[in-house]
Amino acid sequence: MLNAEIATELLKSIGLVVDWAENGAEGVKKFQDSGVGEYFAVFMDIQMPVMDGVEATKCIRGCERQDNDIPIFAMTANTFASDRKICREAGMNGYIAKPVNIKDIESTLIEGTE
C-alpha cells in the first residue's frame, strides 16, 4: 500500500491523473468499464493480490476493444532478466524497477508511448 501511495504521488507530480486499483482483477474491471481512450497508460504492479500484474495485463490485451494496446508498464522489485521477459511476453511495453523514481517514470513513458 505504501509503494502504491508513493507511486501515485510521483505520477501526480508530473501532471498525471491517477486511478488506483487495489488488485489486478479490479484494475482489469476498471479498464473494461472505462470509455475507449479514457486511460493514457497503465502502471501494473507485478505482485498484487487476487490477480497478479502479468495475468491482468494478459486480460487487458485480450479485451475486445480498440484500445487494448494501451501502454502497460510493469512496476516491480523483480529485476531479473527472466522477470522482464515474462512482462514482455504478457504484453507489457516497459519496465520500471522499484524503488521507483520520477526520472525512470518519465523516460519509460516517453519510450513506451512513442
C-alpha atoms as a PDB file:
ATOM      1  CA  MET A   1       0.000   0.000   0.000  1.00  0.00           C
ATOM      2  CA  LEU A   2       2.818   2.423   0.841  1.00  0.00           C
ATOM      3  CA  ASN A   3       4.513   1.739  -2.518  1.00  0.00           C
ATOM      4  CA  ALA A   4       1.220   2.485  -4.297  1.00  0.00           C
ATOM      5  CA  GLU A   5       0.881   5.769  -2.423  1.00  0.00           C
ATOM      6  CA  ILE A   6       4.440   6.779  -3.319  1.00  0.00           C
ATOM      7  CA  ALA A   7       3.953   5.851  -6.988  1.00  0.00           C
ATOM      8  CA  THR A   8       0.647   7.732  -7.058  1.00  0.00           C
ATOM      9  CA  GLU A   9       2.279  10.883  -5.696  1.00  0.00           C
ATOM     10  CA  LEU A  10       5.156  10.619  -8.172  1.00  0.00           C
ATOM     11  CA  LEU A  11       2.749  10.239 -11.098  1.00  0.00           C
ATOM     12  CA  LYS A  12       0.666  13.177  -9.895  1.00  0.00           C
ATOM     13  CA  SER A  13       3.819  15.285  -9.556  1.00  0.00           C
ATOM     14  CA  ILE A  14       4.346  15.092 -13.330  1.00  0.00           C
ATOM     15  CA  GLY A  15       0.762  16.064 -14.039  1.00  0.00           C
ATOM     16  CA  LEU A  16      -0.910  12.686 -14.475  1.00  0.00           C
ATOM     17  CA  VAL A  17      -4.342  11.868 -13.086  1.00  0.00           C
ATOM     18  CA  VAL A  18      -4.170   8.567 -11.204  1.00  0.00           C
ATOM     19  CA  ASP A  19      -6.911   5.953 -10.867  1.00  0.00           C
ATOM     20  CA  TRP A  20      -5.596   3.296  -8.478  1.00  0.00           C
ATOM     21  CA  ALA A  21      -6.795  -0.314  -8.251  1.00  0.00           C
ATOM     22  CA  GLU A  22      -6.234  -2.448  -5.166  1.00  0.00           C
ATOM     23  CA  ASN A  23      -5.603  -5.638  -7.147  1.00  0.00           C
ATOM     24  CA  GLY A  24      -5.226  -6.901 -10.697  1.00  0.00           C
ATOM     25  CA  ALA A  25      -8.834  -8.022 -11.091  1.00  0.00           C
ATOM     26  CA  GLU A  26     -10.071  -4.580 -10.028  1.00  0.00           C
ATOM     27  CA  GLY A  27      -7.643  -2.965 -12.485  1.00  0.00           C
ATOM     28  CA  VAL A  28      -8.937  -5.101 -15.356  1.00  0.00           C
ATOM     29  CA  LYS A  29     -12.530  -4.263 -14.434  1.00  0.00           C
ATOM     30  CA  LYS A  30     -11.764  -0.528 -14.321  1.00  0.00           C
ATOM     31  CA  PHE A  31     -10.231  -0.761 -17.782  1.00  0.00           C
ATOM     32  CA  GLN A  32     -13.141  -2.804 -19.160  1.00  0.00           C
ATOM     33  CA  ASP A  33     -15.682  -0.390 -17.679  1.00  0.00           C
ATOM     34  CA  SER A  34     -13.870   2.712 -18.977  1.00  0.00           C
ATOM     35  CA  GLY A  35     -14.549   4.545 -22.197  1.00  0.00           C
ATOM     36  CA  VAL A  36     -12.273   3.832 -25.149  1.00  0.00           C
ATOM     37  CA  GLY A  37      -9.187   6.020 -24.789  1.00  0.00           C
ATOM     38  CA  GLU A  38     -10.096   7.109 -21.260  1.00  0.00           C
ATOM     39  CA  TYR A  39      -6.759   5.874 -19.919  1.00  0.00           C
ATOM     40  CA  PHE A  40      -3.412   7.081 -21.240  1.00  0.00           C
ATOM     41  CA  ALA A  41      -1.349   4.237 -19.760  1.00  0.00           C
ATOM     42  CA  VAL A  42      -1.401   1.536 -17.100  1.00  0.00           C
ATOM     43  CA  PHE A  43       1.268   1.068 -14.448  1.00  0.00           C
ATOM     44  CA  MET A  44       0.987  -2.536 -13.305  1.00  0.00           C
ATOM     45  CA  ASP A  45       2.462  -3.904 -10.107  1.00  0.00           C
ATOM     46  CA  ILE A  46       3.517  -7.498 -10.738  1.00  0.00           C
ATOM     47  CA  GLN A  47       2.760  -8.788  -7.239  1.00  0.00           C
ATOM     48  CA  MET A  48      -0.866  -7.957  -6.485  1.00  0.00           C
ATOM     49  CA  PRO A  49      -3.486  -9.981  -4.661  1.00  0.00           C
ATOM     50  CA  VAL A  50      -6.442 -11.672  -6.396  1.00  0.00           C
ATOM     51  CA  MET A  51      -4.827 -11.383  -9.872  1.00  0.00           C
ATOM     52  CA  ASP A  52      -1.162 -10.551 -10.430  1.00  0.00           C
ATOM     53  CA  GLY A  53       0.015  -7.935 -12.897  1.00  0.00           C
ATOM     54  CA  VAL A  54       1.071 -10.429 -15.542  1.00  0.00           C
ATOM     55  CA  GLU A  55      -2.386 -12.028 -15.647  1.00  0.00           C
ATOM     56  CA  ALA A  56      -4.083  -8.629 -15.515  1.00  0.00           C
ATOM     57  CA  THR A  57      -2.001  -7.477 -18.490  1.00  0.00           C
ATOM     58  CA  LYS A  58      -2.962 -10.577 -20.458  1.00  0.00           C
ATOM     59  CA  CYS A  59      -6.643  -9.881 -19.702  1.00  0.00           C
ATOM     60  CA  ILE A  60      -6.366  -6.280 -20.892  1.00  0.00           C
ATOM     61  CA  ARG A  61      -4.571  -7.365 -24.055  1.00  0.00           C
ATOM     62  CA  GLY A  62      -7.314  -9.926 -24.663  1.00  0.00           C
ATOM     63  CA  CYS A  63     -10.167  -7.415 -24.316  1.00  0.00           C
ATOM     64  CA  GLU A  64     -12.259  -6.990 -27.443  1.00  0.00           C
ATOM     65  CA  ARG A  65     -11.854  -3.234 -27.740  1.00  0.00           C
ATOM     66  CA  GLN A  66      -9.803  -0.972 -29.959  1.00  0.00           C
ATOM     67  CA  ASP A  67      -7.600   0.379 -27.168  1.00  0.00           C
ATOM     68  CA  ASN A  68      -6.438  -2.973 -25.795  1.00  0.00           C
ATOM     69  CA  ASP A  69      -2.964  -1.932 -26.992  1.00  0.00           C
ATOM     70  CA  ILE A  70      -2.774   0.741 -24.267  1.00  0.00           C
ATOM     71  CA  PRO A  71       0.790   1.155 -22.977  1.00  0.00           C
ATOM     72  CA  ILE A  72       1.258  -1.038 -19.898  1.00  0.00           C
ATOM     73  CA  PHE A  73       4.348  -0.667 -17.726  1.00  0.00           C
ATOM     74  CA  ALA A  74       5.493  -3.052 -15.012  1.00  0.00           C
ATOM     75  CA  MET A  75       6.371  -1.507 -11.650  1.00  0.00           C
ATOM     76  CA  THR A  76       8.154  -4.135  -9.600  1.00  0.00           C
ATOM     77  CA  ALA A  77      11.082  -5.075  -7.417  1.00  0.00           C
ATOM     78  CA  ASN A  78      11.530  -8.229  -9.540  1.00  0.00           C
ATOM     79  CA  THR A  79      14.531  -7.170 -11.615  1.00  0.00           C
ATOM     80  CA  PHE A  80      15.912 -10.391 -13.075  1.00  0.00           C
ATOM     81  CA  ALA A  81      16.086 -10.788 -16.844  1.00  0.00           C
ATOM     82  CA  SER A  82      13.582 -13.637 -16.560  1.00  0.00           C
ATOM     83  CA  ASP A  83      11.097 -11.259 -14.864  1.00  0.00           C
ATOM     84  CA  ARG A  84      11.487  -8.732 -17.667  1.00  0.00           C
ATOM     85  CA  LYS A  85      10.955 -11.482 -20.232  1.00  0.00           C
ATOM     86  CA  ILE A  86       7.720 -12.602 -18.520  1.00  0.00           C
ATOM     87  CA  CYS A  87       6.482  -8.998 -18.574  1.00  0.00           C
ATOM     88  CA  ARG A  88       7.293  -8.573 -22.273  1.00  0.00           C
ATOM     89  CA  GLU A  89       5.639 -11.880 -23.145  1.00  0.00           C
ATOM     90  CA  ALA A  90       2.492 -10.810 -21.269  1.00  0.00           C
ATOM     91  CA  GLY A  91       2.329  -7.713 -23.465  1.00  0.00           C
ATOM     92  CA  MET A  92       3.871  -5.013 -21.306  1.00  0.00           C
ATOM     93  CA  ASN A  93       5.564  -2.110 -23.061  1.00  0.00           C
ATOM     94  CA  GLY A  94       8.135  -1.258 -20.425  1.00  0.00           C
ATOM     95  CA  TYR A  95       9.516  -1.947 -17.005  1.00  0.00           C
ATOM     96  CA  ILE A  96      10.154   0.310 -14.022  1.00  0.00           C
ATOM     97  CA  ALA A  97      12.180  -1.181 -11.185  1.00  0.00           C
ATOM     98  CA  LYS A  98      11.374  -0.351  -7.564  1.00  0.00           C
ATOM     99  CA  PRO A  99      12.227   1.779  -5.767  1.00  0.00           C
ATOM    100  CA  VAL A 100      10.509   3.993  -8.323  1.00  0.00           C
ATOM    101  CA  ASN A 101      11.867   7.435  -9.117  1.00  0.00           C
ATOM    102  CA  ILE A 102      10.461  10.207 -11.264  1.00  0.00           C
ATOM    103  CA  LYS A 103      13.208  10.106 -13.911  1.00  0.00           C
ATOM    104  CA  ASP A 104      12.552   6.398 -14.566  1.00  0.00           C
ATOM    105  CA  ILE A 105       8.819   7.055 -14.891  1.00  0.00           C
ATOM    106  CA  GLU A 106       9.329   9.935 -17.318  1.00  0.00           C
ATOM    107  CA  SER A 107      11.815   8.114 -19.536  1.00  0.00           C
ATOM    108  CA  THR A 108       9.711   4.949 -19.580  1.00  0.00           C
ATOM    109  CA  LEU A 109       6.619   6.933 -20.564  1.00  0.00           C
ATOM    110  CA  ILE A 110       8.484   8.680 -23.368  1.00  0.00           C
ATOM    111  CA  GLU A 111       9.976   5.438 -24.719  1.00  0.00           C
ATOM    112  CA  GLY A 112       6.873   3.304 -24.267  1.00  0.00           C
ATOM    113  CA  THR A 113       4.297   5.647 -25.765  1.00  0.00           C
ATOM    114  CA  GLU A 114       6.154   6.737 -28.914  1.00  0.00           C
END
